[in-house]
C-alpha atoms as a PDB file:
ATOM      1  CA  MET A   1       0.000   0.000   0.000  1.00  0.00           C
ATOM      2  CA  GLN A   2       1.375   3.386  -0.991  1.00  0.00           C
ATOM      3  CA  LYS A   3       1.757   6.028   1.717  1.00  0.00           C
ATOM      4  CA  THR A   4      -0.029   9.349   1.449  1.00  0.00           C
ATOM      5  CA  ASP A   5       1.899  12.608   1.677  1.00  0.00           C
ATOM      6  CA  MET A   6       0.743  13.000   5.280  1.00  0.00           C
ATOM      7  CA  GLU A   7       2.106   9.573   6.211  1.00  0.00           C
ATOM      8  CA  LYS A   8       5.535  10.673   4.978  1.00  0.00           C
ATOM      9  CA  THR A   9       5.780  13.614   7.412  1.00  0.00           C
ATOM     10  CA  LEU A  10       7.815  13.645  10.604  1.00  0.00           C
ATOM     11  CA  GLY A  11       4.778  14.693  12.622  1.00  0.00           C
ATOM     12  CA  TYR A  12       2.751  11.729  11.405  1.00  0.00           C
ATOM     13  CA  CYS A  13       5.606   9.285  12.024  1.00  0.00           C
ATOM     14  CA  LEU A  14       6.082  10.553  15.585  1.00  0.00           C
ATOM     15  CA  HIS A  15       2.347  10.527  16.251  1.00  0.00           C
ATOM     16  CA  ASN A  16       2.021   6.989  14.884  1.00  0.00           C
ATOM     17  CA  LEU A  17       4.977   5.785  16.962  1.00  0.00           C
ATOM     18  CA  ALA A  18       3.541   7.365  20.124  1.00  0.00           C
ATOM     19  CA  PHE A  19       0.107   5.895  19.380  1.00  0.00           C
ATOM     20  CA  ASN A  20       1.554   2.404  18.900  1.00  0.00           C
ATOM     21  CA  LEU A  21       3.711   2.716  22.018  1.00  0.00           C
ATOM     22  CA  LYS A  22       0.691   3.717  24.114  1.00  0.00           C
ATOM     23  CA  ALA A  23      -1.269   0.754  22.737  1.00  0.00           C
ATOM     24  CA  VAL A  24       1.542  -1.646  23.714  1.00  0.00           C
ATOM     25  CA  LEU A  25       1.797  -0.011  27.156  1.00  0.00           C
ATOM     26  CA  LYS A  26      -1.957  -0.351  27.755  1.00  0.00           C
ATOM     27  CA  LYS A  27      -1.911  -3.991  26.688  1.00  0.00           C
ATOM     28  CA  THR A  28       1.114  -4.693  28.896  1.00  0.00           C
ATOM     29  CA  PHE A  29      -0.508  -3.041  31.910  1.00  0.00           C
ATOM     30  CA  LYS A  30      -3.757  -4.943  31.387  1.00  0.00           C
ATOM     31  CA  THR A  31      -1.998  -8.289  30.845  1.00  0.00           C
ATOM     32  CA  ASN A  32      -0.106  -7.807  34.111  1.00  0.00           C
ATOM     33  CA  GLY A  33      -3.211  -6.781  36.057  1.00  0.00           C
ATOM     34  CA  TYR A  34      -2.444  -3.070  36.448  1.00  0.00           C
ATOM     35  CA  GLN A  35      -5.045  -0.398  35.850  1.00  0.00           C
ATOM     36  CA  LEU A  36      -2.570   2.289  34.841  1.00  0.00           C
ATOM     37  CA  THR A  37      -2.681   4.695  31.958  1.00  0.00           C
ATOM     38  CA  PRO A  38       0.507   5.417  30.016  1.00  0.00           C
ATOM     39  CA  GLU A  39       0.313   8.965  31.390  1.00  0.00           C
ATOM     40  CA  ALA A  40       0.215   7.664  35.000  1.00  0.00           C
ATOM     41  CA  TYR A  41       3.065   5.238  34.286  1.00  0.00           C
ATOM     42  CA  PHE A  42       5.343   7.966  32.946  1.00  0.00           C
ATOM     43  CA  LEU A  43       4.436  10.275  35.833  1.00  0.00           C
ATOM     44  CA  LEU A  44       5.326   7.564  38.380  1.00  0.00           C
ATOM     45  CA  ASN A  45       8.706   7.149  36.680  1.00  0.00           C
ATOM     46  CA  LEU A  46       9.415  10.868  37.124  1.00  0.00           C
ATOM     47  CA  ILE A  47       9.239  10.514  40.912  1.00  0.00           C
ATOM     48  CA  PRO A  48      12.724   9.914  42.361  1.00  0.00           C
ATOM     49  CA  THR A  49      13.276   7.817  45.487  1.00  0.00           C
ATOM     50  CA  SER A  50      13.694  10.979  47.551  1.00  0.00           C
ATOM     51  CA  GLY A  51      10.366  12.307  46.266  1.00  0.00           C
ATOM     52  CA  ILE A  52       9.505  15.416  44.305  1.00  0.00           C
ATOM     53  CA  ALA A  53       7.502  18.599  44.693  1.00  0.00           C
ATOM     54  CA  GLN A  54       4.148  18.488  42.936  1.00  0.00           C
ATOM     55  CA  GLN A  55       4.981  21.778  41.205  1.00  0.00           C
ATOM     56  CA  THR A  56       8.144  20.188  39.765  1.00  0.00           C
ATOM     57  CA  LEU A  57       6.012  17.429  38.241  1.00  0.00           C
ATOM     58  CA  VAL A  58       3.823  20.100  36.662  1.00  0.00           C
ATOM     59  CA  LYS A  59       6.920  21.696  35.097  1.00  0.00           C
ATOM     60  CA  LYS A  60       8.443  18.372  33.965  1.00  0.00           C
ATOM     61  CA  THR A  61       5.261  17.202  32.260  1.00  0.00           C
ATOM     62  CA  GLY A  62       4.081  20.502  30.825  1.00  0.00           C
ATOM     63  CA  LYS A  63       0.589  19.704  32.069  1.00  0.00           C
ATOM     64  CA  ASP A  64      -1.546  22.116  34.017  1.00  0.00           C
ATOM     65  CA  LYS A  65      -1.835  21.899  37.806  1.00  0.00           C
ATOM     66  CA  ALA A  66      -5.397  20.605  37.715  1.00  0.00           C
ATOM     67  CA  ALA A  67      -4.512  17.688  35.409  1.00  0.00           C
ATOM     68  CA  ILE A  68      -1.562  16.682  37.572  1.00  0.00           C
ATOM     69  CA  THR A  69      -3.653  17.011  40.729  1.00  0.00           C
ATOM     70  CA  ARG A  70      -6.334  14.689  39.278  1.00  0.00           C
ATOM     71  CA  LEU A  71      -3.707  12.165  38.216  1.00  0.00           C
ATOM     72  CA  LEU A  72      -1.999  12.273  41.615  1.00  0.00           C
ATOM     73  CA  ASP A  73      -5.375  11.932  43.372  1.00  0.00           C
ATOM     74  CA  SER A  74      -5.992   8.745  41.403  1.00  0.00           C
ATOM     75  CA  LEU A  75      -2.492   7.366  42.094  1.00  0.00           C
ATOM     76  CA  ASN A  76      -2.865   8.228  45.778  1.00  0.00           C
ATOM     77  CA  HIS A  77      -6.272   6.508  45.892  1.00  0.00           C
ATOM     78  CA  ASP A  78      -4.693   3.401  44.302  1.00  0.00           C
ATOM     79  CA  GLY A  79      -1.946   3.406  46.940  1.00  0.00           C
ATOM     80  CA  LEU A  80       0.893   4.008  44.470  1.00  0.00           C
ATOM     81  CA  ILE A  81       2.056   7.346  45.893  1.00  0.00           C
ATOM     82  CA  VAL A  82       2.181   9.159  49.199  1.00  0.00           C
ATOM     83  CA  ARG A  83       1.383  12.855  49.137  1.00  0.00           C
ATOM     84  CA  ARG A  84       2.568  15.003  52.024  1.00  0.00           C
ATOM     85  CA  VAL A  85       1.365  18.572  52.355  1.00  0.00           C
ATOM     86  CA  GLN A  86       4.185  20.962  53.270  1.00  0.00           C
ATOM     87  CA  PRO A  87       3.597  22.198  56.834  1.00  0.00           C
ATOM     88  CA  ASP A  88       4.789  25.722  56.013  1.00  0.00           C
ATOM     89  CA  ASN A  89       2.623  26.044  52.881  1.00  0.00           C
ATOM     90  CA  LYS A  90      -0.585  24.001  52.639  1.00  0.00           C
ATOM     91  CA  ARG A  91      -0.745  24.627  48.862  1.00  0.00           C
ATOM     92  CA  ARG A  92       2.483  22.684  48.246  1.00  0.00           C
ATOM     93  CA  SER A  93       2.825  18.905  48.295  1.00  0.00           C
ATOM     94  CA  HIS A  94       5.770  16.533  48.271  1.00  0.00           C
ATOM     95  CA  ILE A  95       5.151  13.313  46.357  1.00  0.00           C
ATOM     96  CA  LYS A  96       6.862   9.965  46.938  1.00  0.00           C
ATOM     97  CA  LEU A  97       6.244   6.505  45.605  1.00  0.00           C
ATOM     98  CA  SER A  98       4.665   4.184  48.160  1.00  0.00           C
ATOM     99  CA  GLU A  99       6.181   0.732  48.668  1.00  0.00           C
ATOM    100  CA  GLN A 100       3.428  -0.624  46.453  1.00  0.00           C
ATOM    101  CA  GLY A 101       4.210   2.040  43.842  1.00  0.00           C
ATOM    102  CA  GLU A 102       7.904   1.126  43.852  1.00  0.00           C
ATOM    103  CA  THR A 103       7.035  -2.556  43.388  1.00  0.00           C
ATOM    104  CA  VAL A 104       4.621  -1.842  40.544  1.00  0.00           C
ATOM    105  CA  ILE A 105       7.134   0.374  38.729  1.00  0.00           C
ATOM    106  CA  GLU A 106       9.928  -2.197  39.127  1.00  0.00           C
ATOM    107  CA  LYS A 107       7.733  -4.959  37.692  1.00  0.00           C
ATOM    108  CA  ILE A 108       6.389  -2.875  34.813  1.00  0.00           C
ATOM    109  CA  ASN A 109       9.828  -1.476  33.936  1.00  0.00           C
ATOM    110  CA  ALA A 110      11.230  -5.020  33.794  1.00  0.00           C
ATOM    111  CA  GLU A 111       8.382  -6.105  31.536  1.00  0.00           C
ATOM    112  CA  LEU A 112       8.797  -3.072  29.287  1.00  0.00           C
ATOM    113  CA  THR A 113      12.534  -3.742  28.954  1.00  0.00           C
ATOM    114  CA  ARG A 114      11.586  -7.045  27.338  1.00  0.00           C
ATOM    115  CA  ILE A 115       9.453  -5.053  24.879  1.00  0.00           C
ATOM    116  CA  SER A 116      11.980  -2.270  24.248  1.00  0.00           C
ATOM    117  CA  GLU A 117      14.799  -4.597  23.252  1.00  0.00           C
ATOM    118  CA  PRO A 118      13.022  -6.171  20.260  1.00  0.00           C
ATOM    119  CA  MET A 119      11.685  -2.755  19.254  1.00  0.00           C
ATOM    120  CA  LEU A 120      15.295  -1.586  18.791  1.00  0.00           C
ATOM    121  CA  VAL A 121      16.476  -4.608  16.775  1.00  0.00           C
ATOM    122  CA  GLY A 122      18.478  -3.504  13.758  1.00  0.00           C
ATOM    123  CA  ILE A 123      19.413  -0.161  15.299  1.00  0.00           C
ATOM    124  CA  SER A 124      23.042   0.040  16.424  1.00  0.00           C
ATOM    125  CA  ALA A 125      24.126   1.594  19.719  1.00  0.00           C
ATOM    126  CA  ALA A 126      25.547   4.574  17.826  1.00  0.00           C
ATOM    127  CA  GLU A 127      22.295   4.993  15.891  1.00  0.00           C
ATOM    128  CA  ARG A 128      20.301   4.806  19.134  1.00  0.00           C
ATOM    129  CA  GLU A 129      22.464   7.491  20.699  1.00  0.00           C
ATOM    130  CA  LYS A 130      21.999   9.672  17.625  1.00  0.00           C
ATOM    131  CA  LEU A 131      18.247   9.002  17.638  1.00  0.00           C
ATOM    132  CA  TYR A 132      17.920  10.038  21.301  1.00  0.00           C
ATOM    133  CA  HIS A 133      19.954  13.166  20.573  1.00  0.00           C
ATOM    134  CA  LEU A 134      17.787  14.064  17.580  1.00  0.00           C
ATOM    135  CA  LEU A 135      14.527  13.462  19.463  1.00  0.00           C
ATOM    136  CA  ASN A 136      15.743  15.639  22.337  1.00  0.00           C
ATOM    137  CA  GLN A 137      16.704  18.351  19.843  1.00  0.00           C
ATOM    138  CA  LEU A 138      13.264  18.187  18.231  1.00  0.00           C
ATOM    139  CA  ASN A 139      11.701  18.499  21.684  1.00  0.00           C
ATOM    140  CA  ALA A 140      13.871  21.518  22.548  1.00  0.00           C
ATOM    141  CA  ASN A 141      13.018  23.143  19.206  1.00  0.00           C
ATOM    142  CA  LEU A 142       9.304  22.607  19.811  1.00  0.00           C
ATOM    143  CA  ALA A 143       9.615  24.125  23.295  1.00  0.00           C
ATOM    144  CA  GLN A 144      11.149  27.260  21.759  1.00  0.00           C
ATOM    145  CA  ILE A 145       8.404  27.419  19.137  1.00  0.00           C
ATOM    146  CA  SER A 146       5.759  27.008  21.833  1.00  0.00           C
ATOM    147  CA  ASP A 147       7.317  29.781  23.929  1.00  0.00           C
ATOM    148  CA  SER A 148       7.251  32.139  20.955  1.00  0.00           C
ATOM    149  CA  ILE A 149       3.570  31.582  20.152  1.00  0.00           C
END
């Protein structure tokens, strides 16, 4: 089947890759008995062992405060995170993974490693490094474009 002009664009290729990755993530979560969204999974992976300020998660994800708050409420309800309100400022929270959250992330990350390896077959280590560099550059360029709009 011949590709349309749209299917030959970088934007379409990236969108299609992201769409397929999310589909694989959802299937992996479901198969392993986890009711996580890809968005929740990536957010959990942004939380270091020492924890993180909720506002930092907002900045790292580029999502608005309300969206992050809803996501954290859900993760807290599911027992995957612990949210501690800062005593000196009730509007600020510090987020840590719960023991259950750490276990879930370890198991899912191990499972996803088994998926990532075959996805990268045929791509050398040097090509992977270049790919990561190029994707990060595209992301930085888009951030600049977004800031100028």
